[in-house]
Amino acid sequence: MLKRIANLLENNSFYIAIILTFLIAYLSFVSLNNIIPKLEFGYFDKIAHIISYTSLSFSWFIALCLKKESNLKSIIIVLSILIYGIIIELIQGKIATNREADIFDVFSNLIGIIIGFGMFVIWTQKRKELK
């Protein structure tokens, strides 16, 4: 069962990464107040950023580095996703009426990217053990 899920993820990783990229951009600009009730937990937003960017980076690592791992590819993915998150924050600060730019969101994104990279390293090790 686990091997089947792994194969499904690997075979569709590029599409998953593209969808997550657009989904995060979309969710970064829409108002979720009517959909998700205001939570009393003050750090919910930061946890959401960590989870989102963990998923995003993990999917891009699988899409681009699974067949041939490369330190340069990994650095490019990390920097690209970090810049993507910074650009979204800057646009939120300038254009979005229901959102504001927050440097702590960028730090949360970076934590998510690092976790995603760690998950990818573990994934590739487990994948080698299964073969």
N, C-alpha and C. Protein backbone atom coordinates (compact mmCIF):
# COMPACT_ATOMS: atom_id res chain seq x y z
N MET A 1 0.83 -1.20 0.00
CA MET A 1 0.00 0.00 0.00
C MET A 1 0.87 1.26 0.00
N LEU A 2 1.89 1.30 0.87
CA LEU A 2 2.78 2.45 0.95
C LEU A 2 3.54 2.63 -0.36
N LYS A 3 3.96 1.52 -0.95
CA LYS A 3 4.68 1.58 -2.22
C LYS A 3 3.77 2.12 -3.33
N ARG A 4 2.50 1.76 -3.30
CA ARG A 4 1.53 2.24 -4.29
C ARG A 4 1.34 3.75 -4.16
N ILE A 5 1.24 4.24 -2.94
CA ILE A 5 1.10 5.68 -2.70
C ILE A 5 2.35 6.41 -3.16
N ALA A 6 3.52 5.84 -2.85
CA ALA A 6 4.78 6.45 -3.27
C ALA A 6 4.86 6.54 -4.79
N ASN A 7 4.48 5.48 -5.48
CA ASN A 7 4.51 5.50 -6.94
C ASN A 7 3.53 6.52 -7.51
N LEU A 8 2.35 6.61 -6.91
CA LEU A 8 1.35 7.58 -7.36
C LEU A 8 1.89 9.00 -7.20
N LEU A 9 2.51 9.28 -6.06
CA LEU A 9 3.07 10.60 -5.81
C LEU A 9 4.21 10.90 -6.78
N GLU A 10 5.10 9.94 -6.97
CA GLU A 10 6.24 10.15 -7.86
C GLU A 10 5.80 10.35 -9.31
N ASN A 11 4.83 9.58 -9.76
CA ASN A 11 4.38 9.66 -11.15
C ASN A 11 3.63 10.95 -11.47
N ASN A 12 3.08 11.58 -10.46
CA ASN A 12 2.28 12.79 -10.66
C ASN A 12 2.89 14.00 -9.96
N SER A 13 4.13 13.90 -9.56
CA SER A 13 4.74 14.94 -8.72
C SER A 13 4.79 16.31 -9.38
N PHE A 14 5.06 16.37 -10.67
CA PHE A 14 5.14 17.66 -11.34
C PHE A 14 3.77 18.35 -11.32
N TYR A 15 2.71 17.60 -11.60
CA TYR A 15 1.36 18.18 -11.60
C TYR A 15 0.95 18.61 -10.19
N ILE A 16 1.31 17.81 -9.22
CA ILE A 16 1.01 18.16 -7.82
C ILE A 16 1.73 19.45 -7.43
N ALA A 17 3.00 19.57 -7.82
CA ALA A 17 3.78 20.76 -7.50
C ALA A 17 3.18 22.00 -8.15
N ILE A 18 2.77 21.89 -9.41
CA ILE A 18 2.15 23.03 -10.11
C ILE A 18 0.85 23.43 -9.43
N ILE A 19 0.01 22.44 -9.12
CA ILE A 19 -1.27 22.73 -8.46
C ILE A 19 -1.06 23.39 -7.11
N LEU A 20 -0.12 22.87 -6.32
CA LEU A 20 0.16 23.48 -5.00
C LEU A 20 0.68 24.91 -5.14
N THR A 21 1.50 25.15 -6.15
CA THR A 21 2.03 26.50 -6.37
C THR A 21 0.89 27.49 -6.62
N PHE A 22 -0.03 27.12 -7.51
CA PHE A 22 -1.16 28.01 -7.80
C PHE A 22 -2.14 28.09 -6.63
N LEU A 23 -2.35 26.99 -5.94
CA LEU A 23 -3.27 26.98 -4.80
C LEU A 23 -2.77 27.90 -3.68
N ILE A 24 -1.48 27.84 -3.40
CA ILE A 24 -0.92 28.72 -2.36
C ILE A 24 -1.05 30.18 -2.78
N ALA A 25 -0.77 30.48 -4.05
CA ALA A 25 -0.93 31.87 -4.52
C ALA A 25 -2.38 32.32 -4.38
N TYR A 26 -3.30 31.47 -4.78
CA TYR A 26 -4.72 31.81 -4.69
C TYR A 26 -5.14 32.06 -3.24
N LEU A 27 -4.77 31.12 -2.36
CA LEU A 27 -5.16 31.25 -0.96
C LEU A 27 -4.48 32.42 -0.26
N SER A 28 -3.39 32.90 -0.83
CA SER A 28 -2.68 34.03 -0.25
C SER A 28 -3.41 35.35 -0.47
N PHE A 29 -4.37 35.37 -1.40
CA PHE A 29 -5.04 36.63 -1.73
C PHE A 29 -6.53 36.62 -1.48
N VAL A 30 -7.13 35.47 -1.23
CA VAL A 30 -8.56 35.45 -0.95
C VAL A 30 -8.80 35.60 0.55
N SER A 31 -9.95 36.09 0.89
CA SER A 31 -10.32 36.19 2.30
C SER A 31 -10.93 34.87 2.75
N LEU A 32 -10.35 34.31 3.78
CA LEU A 32 -10.85 33.04 4.30
C LEU A 32 -11.72 33.23 5.55
N ASN A 33 -11.99 34.49 5.91
CA ASN A 33 -12.76 34.77 7.12
C ASN A 33 -14.16 34.17 7.08
N ASN A 34 -14.78 34.15 5.91
CA ASN A 34 -16.13 33.59 5.79
C ASN A 34 -16.12 32.07 5.75
N ILE A 35 -14.98 31.50 5.36
CA ILE A 35 -14.88 30.04 5.23
C ILE A 35 -14.36 29.42 6.52
N ILE A 36 -13.28 29.98 7.04
CA ILE A 36 -12.66 29.45 8.26
C ILE A 36 -12.93 30.45 9.37
N PRO A 37 -13.58 30.01 10.44
CA PRO A 37 -13.85 30.94 11.53
C PRO A 37 -12.55 31.42 12.18
N LYS A 38 -12.59 32.62 12.71
CA LYS A 38 -11.42 33.19 13.39
C LYS A 38 -11.05 32.30 14.57
N LEU A 39 -9.82 31.82 14.55
CA LEU A 39 -9.37 30.93 15.61
C LEU A 39 -8.70 31.74 16.71
N GLU A 40 -8.88 31.31 17.93
CA GLU A 40 -8.27 31.99 19.06
C GLU A 40 -6.78 31.67 19.18
N PHE A 41 -6.35 30.61 18.52
CA PHE A 41 -4.96 30.20 18.54
C PHE A 41 -4.15 31.18 17.70
N GLY A 42 -3.31 31.99 18.33
CA GLY A 42 -2.64 33.10 17.69
C GLY A 42 -1.64 32.74 16.61
N TYR A 43 -1.10 31.54 16.64
CA TYR A 43 -0.06 31.18 15.68
C TYR A 43 -0.60 30.28 14.56
N PHE A 44 -1.88 30.18 14.42
CA PHE A 44 -2.47 29.34 13.38
C PHE A 44 -1.96 29.72 11.99
N ASP A 45 -1.86 31.02 11.73
CA ASP A 45 -1.40 31.51 10.43
C ASP A 45 0.02 31.02 10.14
N LYS A 46 0.88 31.07 11.13
CA LYS A 46 2.28 30.64 10.93
C LYS A 46 2.36 29.13 10.70
N ILE A 47 1.55 28.38 11.41
CA ILE A 47 1.52 26.92 11.21
C ILE A 47 1.00 26.61 9.81
N ALA A 48 0.00 27.36 9.36
CA ALA A 48 -0.52 27.16 8.00
C ALA A 48 0.56 27.44 6.96
N HIS A 49 1.36 28.47 7.18
CA HIS A 49 2.47 28.77 6.28
C HIS A 49 3.50 27.63 6.28
N ILE A 50 3.83 27.14 7.45
CA ILE A 50 4.81 26.04 7.54
C ILE A 50 4.30 24.81 6.80
N ILE A 51 3.06 24.44 7.03
CA ILE A 51 2.49 23.25 6.37
C ILE A 51 2.43 23.46 4.86
N SER A 52 2.00 24.64 4.43
CA SER A 52 1.88 24.92 2.99
C SER A 52 3.24 24.84 2.30
N TYR A 53 4.23 25.46 2.88
CA TYR A 53 5.55 25.50 2.23
C TYR A 53 6.32 24.20 2.41
N THR A 54 6.00 23.43 3.43
CA THR A 54 6.55 22.07 3.53
C THR A 54 6.04 21.24 2.37
N SER A 55 4.73 21.29 2.15
CA SER A 55 4.11 20.53 1.06
C SER A 55 4.63 21.00 -0.30
N LEU A 56 4.72 22.31 -0.47
CA LEU A 56 5.17 22.87 -1.73
C LEU A 56 6.61 22.45 -2.04
N SER A 57 7.50 22.63 -1.08
CA SER A 57 8.90 22.29 -1.34
C SER A 57 9.09 20.79 -1.52
N PHE A 58 8.43 19.99 -0.71
CA PHE A 58 8.53 18.54 -0.84
C PHE A 58 8.09 18.09 -2.23
N SER A 59 6.98 18.66 -2.72
CA SER A 59 6.48 18.27 -4.04
C SER A 59 7.45 18.69 -5.15
N TRP A 60 8.04 19.87 -5.04
CA TRP A 60 9.00 20.30 -6.06
C TRP A 60 10.28 19.49 -6.00
N PHE A 61 10.73 19.12 -4.80
CA PHE A 61 11.92 18.26 -4.70
C PHE A 61 11.67 16.92 -5.37
N ILE A 62 10.51 16.34 -5.14
CA ILE A 62 10.19 15.05 -5.77
C ILE A 62 10.08 15.23 -7.28
N ALA A 63 9.45 16.32 -7.72
CA ALA A 63 9.26 16.54 -9.15
C ALA A 63 10.58 16.75 -9.90
N LEU A 64 11.52 17.44 -9.27
CA LEU A 64 12.72 17.83 -10.00
C LEU A 64 14.01 17.11 -9.59
N CYS A 65 14.03 16.51 -8.42
CA CYS A 65 15.29 15.93 -7.93
C CYS A 65 15.25 14.42 -7.72
N LEU A 66 14.11 13.80 -7.90
CA LEU A 66 14.00 12.39 -7.57
C LEU A 66 14.81 11.51 -8.51
N LYS A 67 14.75 11.80 -9.78
CA LYS A 67 15.48 10.97 -10.75
C LYS A 67 16.99 11.17 -10.66
N LYS A 68 17.40 12.42 -10.49
CA LYS A 68 18.82 12.72 -10.39
C LYS A 68 19.02 13.82 -9.35
N GLU A 69 19.49 13.42 -8.18
CA GLU A 69 19.70 14.38 -7.11
C GLU A 69 20.90 15.27 -7.43
N SER A 70 20.79 16.51 -7.04
CA SER A 70 21.85 17.48 -7.31
C SER A 70 21.80 18.57 -6.24
N ASN A 71 22.95 18.89 -5.69
CA ASN A 71 23.00 19.97 -4.70
C ASN A 71 22.58 21.30 -5.33
N LEU A 72 22.99 21.54 -6.56
CA LEU A 72 22.63 22.78 -7.24
C LEU A 72 21.12 22.87 -7.45
N LYS A 73 20.49 21.77 -7.88
CA LYS A 73 19.03 21.76 -8.04
C LYS A 73 18.35 22.05 -6.71
N SER A 74 18.84 21.43 -5.65
CA SER A 74 18.24 21.64 -4.34
C SER A 74 18.33 23.09 -3.91
N ILE A 75 19.48 23.71 -4.12
CA ILE A 75 19.65 25.12 -3.76
C ILE A 75 18.72 26.00 -4.60
N ILE A 76 18.61 25.70 -5.88
CA ILE A 76 17.74 26.48 -6.76
C ILE A 76 16.28 26.35 -6.32
N ILE A 77 15.86 25.13 -5.95
CA ILE A 77 14.49 24.93 -5.49
C ILE A 77 14.23 25.71 -4.21
N VAL A 78 15.14 25.61 -3.25
CA VAL A 78 14.98 26.33 -1.98
C VAL A 78 14.88 27.83 -2.23
N LEU A 79 15.80 28.37 -3.00
CA LEU A 79 15.79 29.82 -3.27
C LEU A 79 14.56 30.25 -4.06
N SER A 80 14.17 29.45 -5.04
CA SER A 80 13.00 29.79 -5.85
C SER A 80 11.72 29.85 -5.01
N ILE A 81 11.55 28.85 -4.15
CA ILE A 81 10.34 28.83 -3.32
C ILE A 81 10.38 29.95 -2.29
N LEU A 82 11.56 30.23 -1.74
CA LEU A 82 11.68 31.33 -0.79
C LEU A 82 11.36 32.67 -1.47
N ILE A 83 11.89 32.89 -2.66
CA ILE A 83 11.61 34.12 -3.41
C ILE A 83 10.13 34.20 -3.76
N TYR A 84 9.54 33.08 -4.15
CA TYR A 84 8.10 33.01 -4.43
C TYR A 84 7.30 33.50 -3.22
N GLY A 85 7.65 33.00 -2.03
CA GLY A 85 6.96 33.40 -0.81
C GLY A 85 7.16 34.88 -0.49
N ILE A 86 8.37 35.39 -0.72
CA ILE A 86 8.65 36.80 -0.47
C ILE A 86 7.84 37.67 -1.44
N ILE A 87 7.79 37.28 -2.69
CA ILE A 87 7.01 38.04 -3.68
C ILE A 87 5.54 38.08 -3.30
N ILE A 88 5.01 36.95 -2.85
CA ILE A 88 3.60 36.93 -2.42
C ILE A 88 3.39 37.88 -1.24
N GLU A 89 4.31 37.87 -0.29
CA GLU A 89 4.19 38.78 0.86
C GLU A 89 4.25 40.24 0.42
N LEU A 90 5.15 40.56 -0.51
CA LEU A 90 5.26 41.94 -0.98
C LEU A 90 3.99 42.38 -1.72
N ILE A 91 3.45 41.49 -2.53
CA ILE A 91 2.20 41.81 -3.25
C ILE A 91 1.06 41.99 -2.25
N GLN A 92 1.02 41.13 -1.23
CA GLN A 92 -0.03 41.27 -0.20
C GLN A 92 0.07 42.65 0.45
N GLY A 93 1.29 43.10 0.71
CA GLY A 93 1.48 44.40 1.36
C GLY A 93 1.09 45.57 0.49
N LYS A 94 1.20 45.42 -0.82
CA LYS A 94 0.92 46.54 -1.74
C LYS A 94 -0.48 46.52 -2.33
N ILE A 95 -1.00 45.33 -2.63
CA ILE A 95 -2.24 45.25 -3.40
C ILE A 95 -3.42 44.72 -2.59
N ALA A 96 -3.22 43.65 -1.86
CA ALA A 96 -4.34 42.96 -1.19
C ALA A 96 -4.94 43.86 -0.11
N THR A 97 -6.26 43.94 -0.12
CA THR A 97 -6.94 44.77 0.88
C THR A 97 -7.24 43.98 2.16
N ASN A 98 -7.30 42.66 2.05
CA ASN A 98 -7.66 41.84 3.20
C ASN A 98 -6.45 41.15 3.83
N ARG A 99 -5.25 41.42 3.32
CA ARG A 99 -4.04 40.80 3.81
C ARG A 99 -2.96 41.85 3.98
N GLU A 100 -1.94 41.50 4.75
CA GLU A 100 -0.80 42.42 4.90
C GLU A 100 0.49 41.62 4.87
N ALA A 101 1.56 42.29 4.50
CA ALA A 101 2.87 41.65 4.45
C ALA A 101 3.37 41.42 5.88
N ASP A 102 4.02 40.29 6.10
CA ASP A 102 4.50 39.94 7.43
C ASP A 102 5.81 39.19 7.31
N ILE A 103 6.87 39.74 7.88
CA ILE A 103 8.19 39.10 7.81
C ILE A 103 8.18 37.74 8.50
N PHE A 104 7.33 37.57 9.51
CA PHE A 104 7.25 36.29 10.20
C PHE A 104 6.62 35.21 9.32
N ASP A 105 5.79 35.63 8.36
CA ASP A 105 5.29 34.66 7.37
C ASP A 105 6.43 34.14 6.51
N VAL A 106 7.36 35.02 6.16
CA VAL A 106 8.52 34.61 5.37
C VAL A 106 9.37 33.63 6.17
N PHE A 107 9.58 33.90 7.45
CA PHE A 107 10.33 32.97 8.30
C PHE A 107 9.61 31.63 8.41
N SER A 108 8.29 31.68 8.53
CA SER A 108 7.50 30.44 8.59
C SER A 108 7.63 29.67 7.28
N ASN A 109 7.62 30.39 6.17
CA ASN A 109 7.81 29.74 4.87
C ASN A 109 9.16 29.04 4.81
N LEU A 110 10.21 29.72 5.29
CA LEU A 110 11.55 29.14 5.27
C LEU A 110 11.62 27.89 6.14
N ILE A 111 10.98 27.92 7.29
CA ILE A 111 10.94 26.72 8.13
C ILE A 111 10.25 25.58 7.38
N GLY A 112 9.15 25.87 6.70
CA GLY A 112 8.46 24.86 5.91
C GLY A 112 9.32 24.31 4.80
N ILE A 113 10.08 25.18 4.14
CA ILE A 113 10.97 24.74 3.06
C ILE A 113 12.04 23.79 3.61
N ILE A 114 12.60 24.14 4.75
CA ILE A 114 13.63 23.29 5.37
C ILE A 114 13.04 21.94 5.77
N ILE A 115 11.86 21.94 6.34
CA ILE A 115 11.20 20.68 6.70
C ILE A 115 10.91 19.86 5.45
N GLY A 116 10.44 20.52 4.38
CA GLY A 116 10.18 19.83 3.12
C GLY A 116 11.44 19.18 2.57
N PHE A 117 12.56 19.88 2.66
CA PHE A 117 13.83 19.32 2.20
C PHE A 117 14.22 18.10 3.05
N GLY A 118 14.05 18.22 4.37
CA GLY A 118 14.33 17.09 5.26
C GLY A 118 13.46 15.89 4.95
N MET A 119 12.20 16.15 4.67
CA MET A 119 11.29 15.05 4.29
C MET A 119 11.73 14.40 2.99
N PHE A 120 12.20 15.21 2.05
CA PHE A 120 12.68 14.67 0.78
C PHE A 120 13.91 13.79 0.99
N VAL A 121 14.82 14.22 1.83
CA VAL A 121 16.02 13.42 2.12
C VAL A 121 15.62 12.08 2.72
N ILE A 122 14.71 12.10 3.68
CA ILE A 122 14.22 10.86 4.29
C ILE A 122 13.50 10.00 3.24
N TRP A 123 12.69 10.63 2.40
CA TRP A 123 11.94 9.93 1.34
C TRP A 123 12.90 9.18 0.43
N THR A 124 13.95 9.87 -0.01
CA THR A 124 14.89 9.22 -0.93
C THR A 124 15.64 8.08 -0.27
N GLN A 125 15.94 8.22 1.01
CA GLN A 125 16.60 7.12 1.72
C GLN A 125 15.69 5.92 1.84
N LYS A 126 14.44 6.15 2.21
CA LYS A 126 13.47 5.06 2.33
C LYS A 126 13.20 4.41 0.98
N ARG A 127 13.16 5.22 -0.06
CA ARG A 127 12.93 4.73 -1.41
C ARG A 127 14.06 3.79 -1.84
N LYS A 128 15.28 4.14 -1.50
CA LYS A 128 16.43 3.28 -1.84
C LYS A 128 16.37 1.96 -1.08
N GLU A 129 15.88 2.02 0.16
CA GLU A 129 15.76 0.79 0.97
C GLU A 129 14.69 -0.14 0.39
N LEU A 130 13.61 0.43 -0.19
CA LEU A 130 12.53 -0.39 -0.74
C LEU A 130 12.93 -1.10 -2.03
N LYS A 131 13.91 -0.55 -2.71
CA LYS A 131 14.31 -1.15 -4.00
C LYS A 131 15.24 -2.31 -3.84
